[in-house]
Each structure stands twice: as C-alpha cells, then as structure tokens.
Amino acid sequence: MSTTEAIPKGTWFSLWPVVLVLAILGVAIWGDKGILCALRANQQKDDLLRQIQVLESANQELRKEIEALKSNPRYLEAIARKELGMVRQDELVYQFRSQGKPASQPAPTGN
C-alpha cells in the first residue's frame, strides 16, 4: 500500500483551493508589497514627517535670528559681547581670579 492509495483521490482536489488561498495570503502579508511592508513604510513616513516639522521649526528660528542680526544693532552687539568677548573702545575690562582652589604655596622647610 503506497501513500497515494491511502488518501482518496477527491481529497487532493479539495485541498488545492485551500493551499492556493494560503499561498496568496502568505504573499499578501509577507511579500515585497505585502501588508507588513506597507505598515513599515507608513511608520517610516510618519517618522520623516516628524523630522520635517522639527527641521522647519529650527529653520524658522534661524530665520528670526538672521533678521535680528541684520536689523537690530543691540542684538548684534549683545552677540559680539557674549560670544566674541568684545568691548567698546572706552570700556575697561576687569578680570577676576576664580574662587576655586587657591594658588599653591611653597611647602615650609624644617630648619
């Protein structure tokens, strides 16, 4: 008795549609253009849209700063003082030592 004799002939014909449907579902879910791929692409699109929003707001802030640098002399002066340490010609600059560790003193000698 072989394996083909054990299964009735009509059973094979009734299993082909089930196998075909399962294969189509497998391709539809896990294939290159399947549902999982579409879900990943949708998530990637959402991430990119969030990045675009962050970059657009950063660009807007930079545009505001550029405009302030072009049109506001006080802002320009404040930036020059803060970032470049510039002073006016008639100003005096006082430099103070930090309050941290005192300068090292020579060790006493035992005479």
PDB file of N, CA and C in Angstrom:
ATOM      1  N   MET A   1       0.843  -1.181   0.000  1.00  0.00           N
ATOM      2  CA  MET A   1       0.000   0.000   0.000  1.00  0.00           C
ATOM      3  C   MET A   1       0.882   1.237   0.000  1.00  0.00           C
ATOM      4  N   SER A   2       0.734   2.083  -0.988  1.00  0.00           N
ATOM      5  CA  SER A   2       1.533   3.312  -1.064  1.00  0.00           C
ATOM      6  C   SER A   2       0.742   4.478  -0.477  1.00  0.00           C
ATOM      7  N   THR A   3       1.425   5.638  -0.323  1.00  0.00           N
ATOM      8  CA  THR A   3       0.790   6.802   0.309  1.00  0.00           C
ATOM      9  C   THR A   3      -0.301   7.396  -0.557  1.00  0.00           C
ATOM     10  N   THR A   4      -0.202   7.258  -1.853  1.00  0.00           N
ATOM     11  CA  THR A   4      -1.241   7.793  -2.723  1.00  0.00           C
ATOM     12  C   THR A   4      -2.503   6.960  -2.657  1.00  0.00           C
ATOM     13  N   GLU A   5      -2.375   5.690  -2.319  1.00  0.00           N
ATOM     14  CA  GLU A   5      -3.555   4.842  -2.204  1.00  0.00           C
ATOM     15  C   GLU A   5      -4.305   5.104  -0.907  1.00  0.00           C
ATOM     16  N   ALA A   6      -3.607   5.609   0.138  1.00  0.00           N
ATOM     17  CA  ALA A   6      -4.234   5.813   1.431  1.00  0.00           C
ATOM     18  C   ALA A   6      -5.161   7.025   1.418  1.00  0.00           C
ATOM     19  N   ILE A   7      -4.857   8.033   0.591  1.00  0.00           N
ATOM     20  CA  ILE A   7      -5.671   9.246   0.527  1.00  0.00           C
ATOM     21  C   ILE A   7      -6.598   9.131  -0.676  1.00  0.00           C
ATOM     22  N   PRO A   8      -7.872   9.324  -0.470  1.00  0.00           N
ATOM     23  CA  PRO A   8      -8.797   9.224  -1.596  1.00  0.00           C
ATOM     24  C   PRO A   8      -8.507  10.305  -2.642  1.00  0.00           C
ATOM     25  N   LYS A   9      -8.817  10.003  -3.881  1.00  0.00           N
ATOM     26  CA  LYS A   9      -8.498  10.886  -4.998  1.00  0.00           C
ATOM     27  C   LYS A   9      -9.240  12.214  -4.906  1.00  0.00           C
ATOM     28  N   GLY A  10     -10.414  12.293  -4.424  1.00  0.00           N
ATOM     29  CA  GLY A  10     -11.189  13.517  -4.330  1.00  0.00           C
ATOM     30  C   GLY A  10     -10.645  14.486  -3.283  1.00  0.00           C
ATOM     31  N   THR A  11      -9.899  13.990  -2.305  1.00  0.00           N
ATOM     32  CA  THR A  11      -9.356  14.840  -1.246  1.00  0.00           C
ATOM     33  C   THR A  11      -8.305  15.784  -1.796  1.00  0.00           C
ATOM     34  N   TRP A  12      -7.486  15.363  -2.711  1.00  0.00           N
ATOM     35  CA  TRP A  12      -6.449  16.224  -3.296  1.00  0.00           C
ATOM     36  C   TRP A  12      -7.082  17.399  -4.020  1.00  0.00           C
ATOM     37  N   PHE A  13      -8.148  17.142  -4.720  1.00  0.00           N
ATOM     38  CA  PHE A  13      -8.803  18.234  -5.453  1.00  0.00           C
ATOM     39  C   PHE A  13      -9.438  19.240  -4.495  1.00  0.00           C
ATOM     40  N   SER A  14      -9.871  18.809  -3.351  1.00  0.00           N
ATOM     41  CA  SER A  14     -10.481  19.731  -2.403  1.00  0.00           C
ATOM     42  C   SER A  14      -9.413  20.493  -1.604  1.00  0.00           C
ATOM     43  N   LEU A  15      -8.179  20.001  -1.527  1.00  0.00           N
ATOM     44  CA  LEU A  15      -7.107  20.693  -0.805  1.00  0.00           C
ATOM     45  C   LEU A  15      -6.416  21.764  -1.649  1.00  0.00           C
ATOM     46  N   TRP A  16      -6.441  21.664  -2.952  1.00  0.00           N
ATOM     47  CA  TRP A  16      -5.766  22.640  -3.809  1.00  0.00           C
ATOM     48  C   TRP A  16      -6.288  24.064  -3.603  1.00  0.00           C
ATOM     49  N   PRO A  17      -7.562  24.301  -3.516  1.00  0.00           N
ATOM     50  CA  PRO A  17      -8.018  25.681  -3.268  1.00  0.00           C
ATOM     51  C   PRO A  17      -7.541  26.222  -1.922  1.00  0.00           C
ATOM     52  N   VAL A  18      -7.502  25.363  -0.903  1.00  0.00           N
ATOM     53  CA  VAL A  18      -7.040  25.792   0.422  1.00  0.00           C
ATOM     54  C   VAL A  18      -5.555  26.158   0.359  1.00  0.00           C
ATOM     55  N   VAL A  19      -4.757  25.329  -0.281  1.00  0.00           N
ATOM     56  CA  VAL A  19      -3.326  25.597  -0.422  1.00  0.00           C
ATOM     57  C   VAL A  19      -3.109  26.878  -1.224  1.00  0.00           C
ATOM     58  N   LEU A  20      -3.870  27.061  -2.280  1.00  0.00           N
ATOM     59  CA  LEU A  20      -3.756  28.261  -3.115  1.00  0.00           C
ATOM     60  C   LEU A  20      -4.122  29.517  -2.322  1.00  0.00           C
ATOM     61  N   VAL A  21      -5.176  29.455  -1.542  1.00  0.00           N
ATOM     62  CA  VAL A  21      -5.587  30.602  -0.719  1.00  0.00           C
ATOM     63  C   VAL A  21      -4.523  30.908   0.332  1.00  0.00           C
ATOM     64  N   LEU A  22      -3.964  29.894   0.957  1.00  0.00           N
ATOM     65  CA  LEU A  22      -2.911  30.102   1.953  1.00  0.00           C
ATOM     66  C   LEU A  22      -1.666  30.724   1.321  1.00  0.00           C
ATOM     67  N   ALA A  23      -1.312  30.301   0.114  1.00  0.00           N
ATOM     68  CA  ALA A  23      -0.155  30.870  -0.572  1.00  0.00           C
ATOM     69  C   ALA A  23      -0.403  32.338  -0.915  1.00  0.00           C
ATOM     70  N   ILE A  24      -1.593  32.657  -1.380  1.00  0.00           N
ATOM     71  CA  ILE A  24      -1.929  34.051  -1.709  1.00  0.00           C
ATOM     72  C   ILE A  24      -1.910  34.914  -0.459  1.00  0.00           C
ATOM     73  N   LEU A  25      -2.463  34.406   0.648  1.00  0.00           N
ATOM     74  CA  LEU A  25      -2.435  35.150   1.912  1.00  0.00           C
ATOM     75  C   LEU A  25      -1.001  35.368   2.388  1.00  0.00           C
ATOM     76  N   GLY A  26      -0.162  34.351   2.266  1.00  0.00           N
ATOM     77  CA  GLY A  26       1.240  34.480   2.668  1.00  0.00           C
ATOM     78  C   GLY A  26       1.953  35.566   1.894  1.00  0.00           C
ATOM     79  N   VAL A  27       1.732  35.590   0.577  1.00  0.00           N
ATOM     80  CA  VAL A  27       2.345  36.630  -0.256  1.00  0.00           C
ATOM     81  C   VAL A  27       1.766  38.001   0.089  1.00  0.00           C
ATOM     82  N   ALA A  28       0.470  38.063   0.349  1.00  0.00           N
ATOM     83  CA  ALA A  28      -0.173  39.344   0.663  1.00  0.00           C
ATOM     84  C   ALA A  28       0.316  39.906   1.998  1.00  0.00           C
ATOM     85  N   ILE A  29       0.661  39.038   2.927  1.00  0.00           N
ATOM     86  CA  ILE A  29       1.106  39.519   4.238  1.00  0.00           C
ATOM     87  C   ILE A  29       2.617  39.731   4.268  1.00  0.00           C
ATOM     88  N   TRP A  30       3.399  38.766   3.831  1.00  0.00           N
ATOM     89  CA  TRP A  30       4.848  38.829   3.983  1.00  0.00           C
ATOM     90  C   TRP A  30       5.597  39.151   2.694  1.00  0.00           C
ATOM     91  N   GLY A  31       4.931  39.356   1.603  1.00  0.00           N
ATOM     92  CA  GLY A  31       5.596  39.621   0.331  1.00  0.00           C
ATOM     93  C   GLY A  31       6.243  40.998   0.276  1.00  0.00           C
ATOM     94  N   ASP A  32       6.953  41.279  -0.835  1.00  0.00           N
ATOM     95  CA  ASP A  32       7.644  42.563  -1.013  1.00  0.00           C
ATOM     96  C   ASP A  32       6.692  43.747  -0.959  1.00  0.00           C
ATOM     97  N   LYS A  33       5.493  43.567  -1.424  1.00  0.00           N
ATOM     98  CA  LYS A  33       4.495  44.641  -1.388  1.00  0.00           C
ATOM     99  C   LYS A  33       3.314  44.234  -0.517  1.00  0.00           C
ATOM    100  N   GLY A  34       3.616  43.472   0.517  1.00  0.00           N
ATOM    101  CA  GLY A  34       2.574  42.965   1.389  1.00  0.00           C
ATOM    102  C   GLY A  34       2.171  43.959   2.467  1.00  0.00           C
ATOM    103  N   ILE A  35       1.312  43.495   3.324  1.00  0.00           N
ATOM    104  CA  ILE A  35       0.760  44.342   4.382  1.00  0.00           C
ATOM    105  C   ILE A  35       1.849  44.795   5.343  1.00  0.00           C
ATOM    106  N   LEU A  36       2.749  43.896   5.735  1.00  0.00           N
ATOM    107  CA  LEU A  36       3.814  44.261   6.671  1.00  0.00           C
ATOM    108  C   LEU A  36       4.739  45.325   6.081  1.00  0.00           C
ATOM    109  N   CYS A  37       5.032  45.197   4.807  1.00  0.00           N
ATOM    110  CA  CYS A  37       5.865  46.200   4.141  1.00  0.00           C
ATOM    111  C   CYS A  37       5.153  47.544   4.102  1.00  0.00           C
ATOM    112  N   ALA A  38       3.861  47.525   3.853  1.00  0.00           N
ATOM    113  CA  ALA A  38       3.087  48.766   3.830  1.00  0.00           C
ATOM    114  C   ALA A  38       3.042  49.417   5.209  1.00  0.00           C
ATOM    115  N   LEU A  39       2.912  48.622   6.256  1.00  0.00           N
ATOM    116  CA  LEU A  39       2.915  49.162   7.615  1.00  0.00           C
ATOM    117  C   LEU A  39       4.269  49.784   7.960  1.00  0.00           C
ATOM    118  N   ARG A  40       5.357  49.133   7.574  1.00  0.00           N
ATOM    119  CA  ARG A  40       6.693  49.696   7.811  1.00  0.00           C
ATOM    120  C   ARG A  40       6.866  51.001   7.047  1.00  0.00           C
ATOM    121  N   ALA A  41       6.410  51.048   5.818  1.00  0.00           N
ATOM    122  CA  ALA A  41       6.528  52.273   5.013  1.00  0.00           C
ATOM    123  C   ALA A  41       5.711  53.406   5.626  1.00  0.00           C
ATOM    124  N   ASN A  42       4.542  53.088   6.150  1.00  0.00           N
ATOM    125  CA  ASN A  42       3.701  54.094   6.790  1.00  0.00           C
ATOM    126  C   ASN A  42       4.375  54.638   8.048  1.00  0.00           C
ATOM    127  N   GLN A  43       4.999  53.776   8.843  1.00  0.00           N
ATOM    128  CA  GLN A  43       5.720  54.207  10.041  1.00  0.00           C
ATOM    129  C   GLN A  43       6.910  55.087   9.664  1.00  0.00           C
ATOM    130  N   GLN A  44       7.617  54.703   8.624  1.00  0.00           N
ATOM    131  CA  GLN A  44       8.760  55.494   8.163  1.00  0.00           C
ATOM    132  C   GLN A  44       8.301  56.867   7.673  1.00  0.00           C
ATOM    133  N   LYS A  45       7.159  56.916   6.997  1.00  0.00           N
ATOM    134  CA  LYS A  45       6.613  58.190   6.529  1.00  0.00           C
ATOM    135  C   LYS A  45       6.284  59.093   7.709  1.00  0.00           C
ATOM    136  N   ASP A  46       5.675  58.536   8.759  1.00  0.00           N
ATOM    137  CA  ASP A  46       5.343  59.317   9.951  1.00  0.00           C
ATOM    138  C   ASP A  46       6.601  59.863  10.627  1.00  0.00           C
ATOM    139  N   ASP A  47       7.649  59.032  10.714  1.00  0.00           N
ATOM    140  CA  ASP A  47       8.907  59.481  11.300  1.00  0.00           C
ATOM    141  C   ASP A  47       9.514  60.625  10.490  1.00  0.00           C
ATOM    142  N   LEU A  48       9.483  60.508   9.190  1.00  0.00           N
ATOM    143  CA  LEU A  48      10.035  61.554   8.327  1.00  0.00           C
ATOM    144  C   LEU A  48       9.235  62.851   8.437  1.00  0.00           C
ATOM    145  N   LEU A  49       7.912  62.746   8.565  1.00  0.00           N
ATOM    146  CA  LEU A  49       7.097  63.945   8.731  1.00  0.00           C
ATOM    147  C   LEU A  49       7.419  64.654  10.045  1.00  0.00           C
ATOM    148  N   ARG A  50       7.668  63.871  11.103  1.00  0.00           N
ATOM    149  CA  ARG A  50       8.063  64.481  12.385  1.00  0.00           C
ATOM    150  C   ARG A  50       9.415  65.179  12.256  1.00  0.00           C
ATOM    151  N   GLN A  51      10.350  64.548  11.572  1.00  0.00           N
ATOM    152  CA  GLN A  51      11.666  65.163  11.360  1.00  0.00           C
ATOM    153  C   GLN A  51      11.541  66.451  10.553  1.00  0.00           C
ATOM    154  N   ILE A  52      10.671  66.448   9.569  1.00  0.00           N
ATOM    155  CA  ILE A  52      10.454  67.651   8.756  1.00  0.00           C
ATOM    156  C   ILE A  52       9.925  68.786   9.627  1.00  0.00           C
ATOM    157  N   GLN A  53       8.988  68.484  10.510  1.00  0.00           N
ATOM    158  CA  GLN A  53       8.440  69.520  11.397  1.00  0.00           C
ATOM    159  C   GLN A  53       9.520  70.101  12.298  1.00  0.00           C
ATOM    160  N   VAL A  54      10.375  69.240  12.859  1.00  0.00           N
ATOM    161  CA  VAL A  54      11.457  69.708  13.736  1.00  0.00           C
ATOM    162  C   VAL A  54      12.412  70.599  12.949  1.00  0.00           C
ATOM    163  N   LEU A  55      12.783  70.174  11.754  1.00  0.00           N
ATOM    164  CA  LEU A  55      13.713  70.959  10.936  1.00  0.00           C
ATOM    165  C   LEU A  55      13.101  72.275  10.482  1.00  0.00           C
ATOM    166  N   GLU A  56      11.816  72.270  10.164  1.00  0.00           N
ATOM    167  CA  GLU A  56      11.167  73.517   9.757  1.00  0.00           C
ATOM    168  C   GLU A  56      11.113  74.518  10.905  1.00  0.00           C
ATOM    169  N   SER A  57      10.869  74.039  12.121  1.00  0.00           N
ATOM    170  CA  SER A  57      10.847  74.969  13.260  1.00  0.00           C
ATOM    171  C   SER A  57      12.255  75.494  13.542  1.00  0.00           C
ATOM    172  N   ALA A  58      13.274  74.650  13.396  1.00  0.00           N
ATOM    173  CA  ALA A  58      14.654  75.116  13.570  1.00  0.00           C
ATOM    174  C   ALA A  58      15.005  76.140  12.504  1.00  0.00           C
ATOM    175  N   ASN A  59      14.570  75.919  11.272  1.00  0.00           N
ATOM    176  CA  ASN A  59      14.813  76.889  10.198  1.00  0.00           C
ATOM    177  C   ASN A  59      14.132  78.213  10.495  1.00  0.00           C
ATOM    178  N   GLN A  60      12.926  78.153  11.032  1.00  0.00           N
ATOM    179  CA  GLN A  60      12.205  79.386  11.362  1.00  0.00           C
ATOM    180  C   GLN A  60      12.952  80.170  12.438  1.00  0.00           C
ATOM    181  N   GLU A  61      13.469  79.486  13.444  1.00  0.00           N
ATOM    182  CA  GLU A  61      14.247  80.155  14.494  1.00  0.00           C
ATOM    183  C   GLU A  61      15.510  80.786  13.910  1.00  0.00           C
ATOM    184  N   LEU A  62      16.166  80.080  13.006  1.00  0.00           N
ATOM    185  CA  LEU A  62      17.364  80.637  12.373  1.00  0.00           C
ATOM    186  C   LEU A  62      17.032  81.853  11.507  1.00  0.00           C
ATOM    187  N   ARG A  63      15.900  81.813  10.825  1.00  0.00           N
ATOM    188  CA  ARG A  63      15.484  82.977  10.024  1.00  0.00           C
ATOM    189  C   ARG A  63      15.244  84.190  10.915  1.00  0.00           C
ATOM    190  N   LYS A  64      14.619  83.959  12.087  1.00  0.00           N
ATOM    191  CA  LYS A  64      14.391  85.053  13.032  1.00  0.00           C
ATOM    192  C   LYS A  64      15.720  85.631  13.515  1.00  0.00           C
ATOM    193  N   GLU A  65      16.674  84.758  13.821  1.00  0.00           N
ATOM    194  CA  GLU A  65      17.974  85.235  14.290  1.00  0.00           C
ATOM    195  C   GLU A  65      18.704  86.014  13.192  1.00  0.00           C
ATOM    196  N   ILE A  66      18.629  85.550  11.970  1.00  0.00           N
ATOM    197  CA  ILE A  66      19.255  86.268  10.849  1.00  0.00           C
ATOM    198  C   ILE A  66      18.652  87.655  10.709  1.00  0.00           C
ATOM    199  N   GLU A  67      17.330  87.720  10.785  1.00  0.00           N
ATOM    200  CA  GLU A  67      16.654  89.018  10.669  1.00  0.00           C
ATOM    201  C   GLU A  67      17.062  89.944  11.811  1.00  0.00           C
ATOM    202  N   ALA A  68      17.168  89.404  13.023  1.00  0.00           N
ATOM    203  CA  ALA A  68      17.582  90.222  14.164  1.00  0.00           C
ATOM    204  C   ALA A  68      19.023  90.710  13.992  1.00  0.00           C
ATOM    205  N   LEU A  69      19.888  89.855  13.480  1.00  0.00           N
ATOM    206  CA  LEU A  69      21.273  90.272  13.254  1.00  0.00           C
ATOM    207  C   LEU A  69      21.367  91.363  12.193  1.00  0.00           C
ATOM    208  N   LYS A  70      20.498  91.296  11.191  1.00  0.00           N
ATOM    209  CA  LYS A  70      20.520  92.308  10.124  1.00  0.00           C
ATOM    210  C   LYS A  70      19.911  93.625  10.567  1.00  0.00           C
ATOM    211  N   SER A  71      18.879  93.588  11.389  1.00  0.00           N
ATOM    212  CA  SER A  71      18.112  94.804  11.636  1.00  0.00           C
ATOM    213  C   SER A  71      18.229  95.361  13.054  1.00  0.00           C
ATOM    214  N   ASN A  72      18.771  94.632  14.003  1.00  0.00           N
ATOM    215  CA  ASN A  72      18.792  95.083  15.388  1.00  0.00           C
ATOM    216  C   ASN A  72      20.234  95.235  15.864  1.00  0.00           C
ATOM    217  N   PRO A  73      20.748  96.474  15.915  1.00  0.00           N
ATOM    218  CA  PRO A  73      22.137  96.676  16.324  1.00  0.00           C
ATOM    219  C   PRO A  73      22.402  96.244  17.770  1.00  0.00           C
ATOM    220  N   ARG A  74      21.428  96.387  18.646  1.00  0.00           N
ATOM    221  CA  ARG A  74      21.628  95.971  20.042  1.00  0.00           C
ATOM    222  C   ARG A  74      21.790  94.455  20.146  1.00  0.00           C
ATOM    223  N   TYR A  75      21.029  93.726  19.366  1.00  0.00           N
ATOM    224  CA  TYR A  75      21.160  92.270  19.363  1.00  0.00           C
ATOM    225  C   TYR A  75      22.537  91.870  18.838  1.00  0.00           C
ATOM    226  N   LEU A  76      22.964  92.515  17.770  1.00  0.00           N
ATOM    227  CA  LEU A  76      24.273  92.237  17.196  1.00  0.00           C
ATOM    228  C   LEU A  76      25.372  92.525  18.216  1.00  0.00           C
ATOM    229  N   GLU A  77      25.254  93.644  18.940  1.00  0.00           N
ATOM    230  CA  GLU A  77      26.241  93.986  19.961  1.00  0.00           C
ATOM    231  C   GLU A  77      26.243  92.954  21.087  1.00  0.00           C
ATOM    232  N   ALA A  78      25.065  92.543  21.513  1.00  0.00           N
ATOM    233  CA  ALA A  78      24.978  91.549  22.581  1.00  0.00           C
ATOM    234  C   ALA A  78      25.649  90.234  22.177  1.00  0.00           C
ATOM    235  N   ILE A  79      25.457  89.820  20.947  1.00  0.00           N
ATOM    236  CA  ILE A  79      26.091  88.586  20.463  1.00  0.00           C
ATOM    237  C   ILE A  79      27.598  88.760  20.400  1.00  0.00           C
ATOM    238  N   ALA A  80      28.056  89.913  19.919  1.00  0.00           N
ATOM    239  CA  ALA A  80      29.502  90.170  19.834  1.00  0.00           C
ATOM    240  C   ALA A  80      30.131  90.170  21.226  1.00  0.00           C
ATOM    241  N   ARG A  81      29.451  90.752  22.191  1.00  0.00           N
ATOM    242  CA  ARG A  81      29.979  90.774  23.561  1.00  0.00           C
ATOM    243  C   ARG A  81      29.998  89.366  24.161  1.00  0.00           C
ATOM    244  N   LYS A  82      28.915  88.639  23.988  1.00  0.00           N
ATOM    245  CA  LYS A  82      28.781  87.324  24.623  1.00  0.00           C
ATOM    246  C   LYS A  82      29.697  86.283  23.983  1.00  0.00           C
ATOM    247  N   GLU A  83      29.645  86.161  22.669  1.00  0.00           N
ATOM    248  CA  GLU A  83      30.349  85.075  22.001  1.00  0.00           C
ATOM    249  C   GLU A  83      31.794  85.409  21.656  1.00  0.00           C
ATOM    250  N   LEU A  84      32.085  86.691  21.393  1.00  0.00           N
ATOM    251  CA  LEU A  84      33.435  87.059  20.976  1.00  0.00           C
ATOM    252  C   LEU A  84      34.206  87.811  22.048  1.00  0.00           C
ATOM    253  N   GLY A  85      33.532  88.154  23.146  1.00  0.00           N
ATOM    254  CA  GLY A  85      34.201  88.863  24.225  1.00  0.00           C
ATOM    255  C   GLY A  85      34.605  90.279  23.858  1.00  0.00           C
ATOM    256  N   MET A  86      33.904  90.894  22.952  1.00  0.00           N
ATOM    257  CA  MET A  86      34.255  92.247  22.502  1.00  0.00           C
ATOM    258  C   MET A  86      33.763  93.284  23.507  1.00  0.00           C
ATOM    259  N   VAL A  87      34.481  94.421  23.555  1.00  0.00           N
ATOM    260  CA  VAL A  87      34.106  95.552  24.399  1.00  0.00           C
ATOM    261  C   VAL A  87      34.218  96.824  23.573  1.00  0.00           C
ATOM    262  N   ARG A  88      33.597  97.858  24.080  1.00  0.00           N
ATOM    263  CA  ARG A  88      33.718  99.157  23.412  1.00  0.00           C
ATOM    264  C   ARG A  88      35.099  99.745  23.690  1.00  0.00           C
ATOM    265  N   GLN A  89      35.459 100.729  22.881  1.00  0.00           N
ATOM    266  CA  GLN A  89      36.790 101.308  22.990  1.00  0.00           C
ATOM    267  C   GLN A  89      36.990 102.020  24.332  1.00  0.00           C
ATOM    268  N   ASP A  90      35.968 102.645  24.878  1.00  0.00           N
ATOM    269  CA  ASP A  90      36.108 103.405  26.118  1.00  0.00           C
ATOM    270  C   ASP A  90      35.796 102.588  27.368  1.00  0.00           C
ATOM    271  N   GLU A  91      35.601 101.289  27.259  1.00  0.00           N
ATOM    272  CA  GLU A  91      35.283 100.455  28.413  1.00  0.00           C
ATOM    273  C   GLU A  91      36.540  99.822  29.004  1.00  0.00           C
ATOM    274  N   LEU A  92      36.517  99.608  30.311  1.00  0.00           N
ATOM    275  CA  LEU A  92      37.590  98.906  30.992  1.00  0.00           C
ATOM    276  C   LEU A  92      37.122  97.481  31.279  1.00  0.00           C
ATOM    277  N   VAL A  93      38.027  96.543  31.170  1.00  0.00           N
ATOM    278  CA  VAL A  93      37.713  95.151  31.422  1.00  0.00           C
ATOM    279  C   VAL A  93      38.438  94.715  32.680  1.00  0.00           C
ATOM    280  N   TYR A  94      37.706  94.228  33.638  1.00  0.00           N
ATOM    281  CA  TYR A  94      38.279  93.708  34.870  1.00  0.00           C
ATOM    282  C   TYR A  94      38.229  92.186  34.814  1.00  0.00           C
ATOM    283  N   GLN A  95      39.341  91.572  35.120  1.00  0.00           N
ATOM    284  CA  GLN A  95      39.391  90.116  35.150  1.00  0.00           C
ATOM    285  C   GLN A  95      39.648  89.676  36.581  1.00  0.00           C
ATOM    286  N   PHE A  96      38.867  88.786  37.070  1.00  0.00           N
ATOM    287  CA  PHE A  96      38.980  88.298  38.428  1.00  0.00           C
ATOM    288  C   PHE A  96      39.393  86.839  38.393  1.00  0.00           C
ATOM    289  N   ARG A  97      40.185  86.493  39.399  1.00  0.00           N
ATOM    290  CA  ARG A  97      40.561  85.092  39.521  1.00  0.00           C
ATOM    291  C   ARG A  97      39.350  84.309  40.011  1.00  0.00           C
ATOM    292  N   SER A  98      39.299  83.067  39.642  1.00  0.00           N
ATOM    293  CA  SER A  98      38.162  82.244  40.076  1.00  0.00           C
ATOM    294  C   SER A  98      38.273  81.961  41.562  1.00  0.00           C
ATOM    295  N   GLN A  99      37.153  81.687  42.205  1.00  0.00           N
ATOM    296  CA  GLN A  99      37.091  81.434  43.637  1.00  0.00           C
ATOM    297  C   GLN A  99      37.465  79.991  43.962  1.00  0.00           C
ATOM    298  N   GLY A 100      37.881  79.252  43.008  1.00  0.00           N
ATOM    299  CA  GLY A 100      38.205  77.834  43.197  1.00  0.00           C
ATOM    300  C   GLY A 100      39.414  77.635  44.090  1.00  0.00           C
ATOM    301  N   LYS A 101      40.239  76.720  43.756  1.00  0.00           N
ATOM    302  CA  LYS A 101      41.395  76.321  44.529  1.00  0.00           C
ATOM    303  C   LYS A 101      42.422  77.466  44.606  1.00  0.00           C
ATOM    304  N   PRO A 102      42.909  77.804  45.810  1.00  0.00           N
ATOM    305  CA  PRO A 102      43.890  78.887  45.905  1.00  0.00           C
ATOM    306  C   PRO A 102      45.216  78.474  45.277  1.00  0.00           C
ATOM    307  N   ALA A 103      46.013  79.488  44.932  1.00  0.00           N
ATOM    308  CA  ALA A 103      47.314  79.213  44.313  1.00  0.00           C
ATOM    309  C   ALA A 103      48.176  78.426  45.278  1.00  0.00           C
ATOM    310  N   SER A 104      48.972  77.537  44.735  1.00  0.00           N
ATOM    311  CA  SER A 104      49.793  76.697  45.600  1.00  0.00           C
ATOM    312  C   SER A 104      50.905  77.527  46.239  1.00  0.00           C
ATOM    313  N   GLN A 105      51.146  77.283  47.513  1.00  0.00           N
ATOM    314  CA  GLN A 105      52.189  77.977  48.246  1.00  0.00           C
ATOM    315  C   GLN A 105      53.345  77.023  48.465  1.00  0.00           C
ATOM    316  N   PRO A 106      54.562  77.582  48.585  1.00  0.00           N
ATOM    317  CA  PRO A 106      55.699  76.680  48.795  1.00  0.00           C
ATOM    318  C   PRO A 106      55.579  76.018  50.163  1.00  0.00           C
ATOM    319  N   ALA A 107      56.004  74.775  50.208  1.00  0.00           N
ATOM    320  CA  ALA A 107      55.936  73.992  51.451  1.00  0.00           C
ATOM    321  C   ALA A 107      56.960  74.546  52.446  1.00  0.00           C
ATOM    322  N   PRO A 108      56.603  74.630  53.735  1.00  0.00           N
ATOM    323  CA  PRO A 108      57.570  75.133  54.736  1.00  0.00           C
ATOM    324  C   PRO A 108      58.727  74.173  54.906  1.00  0.00           C
ATOM    325  N   THR A 109      59.895  74.756  55.098  1.00  0.00           N
ATOM    326  CA  THR A 109      61.088  73.917  55.269  1.00  0.00           C
ATOM    327  C   THR A 109      61.371  73.779  56.750  1.00  0.00           C
ATOM    328  N   GLY A 110      61.799  72.666  57.159  1.00  0.00           N
ATOM    329  CA  GLY A 110      62.083  72.407  58.572  1.00  0.00           C
ATOM    330  C   GLY A 110      63.513  72.747  58.938  1.00  0.00           C
ATOM    331  N   ASN A 111      63.841  74.017  59.246  1.00  0.00           N
ATOM    332  CA  ASN A 111      65.199  74.422  59.622  1.00  0.00           C
ATOM    333  C   ASN A 111      65.440  74.227  61.055  1.00  0.00           C
TER     334      ASN A 111
END
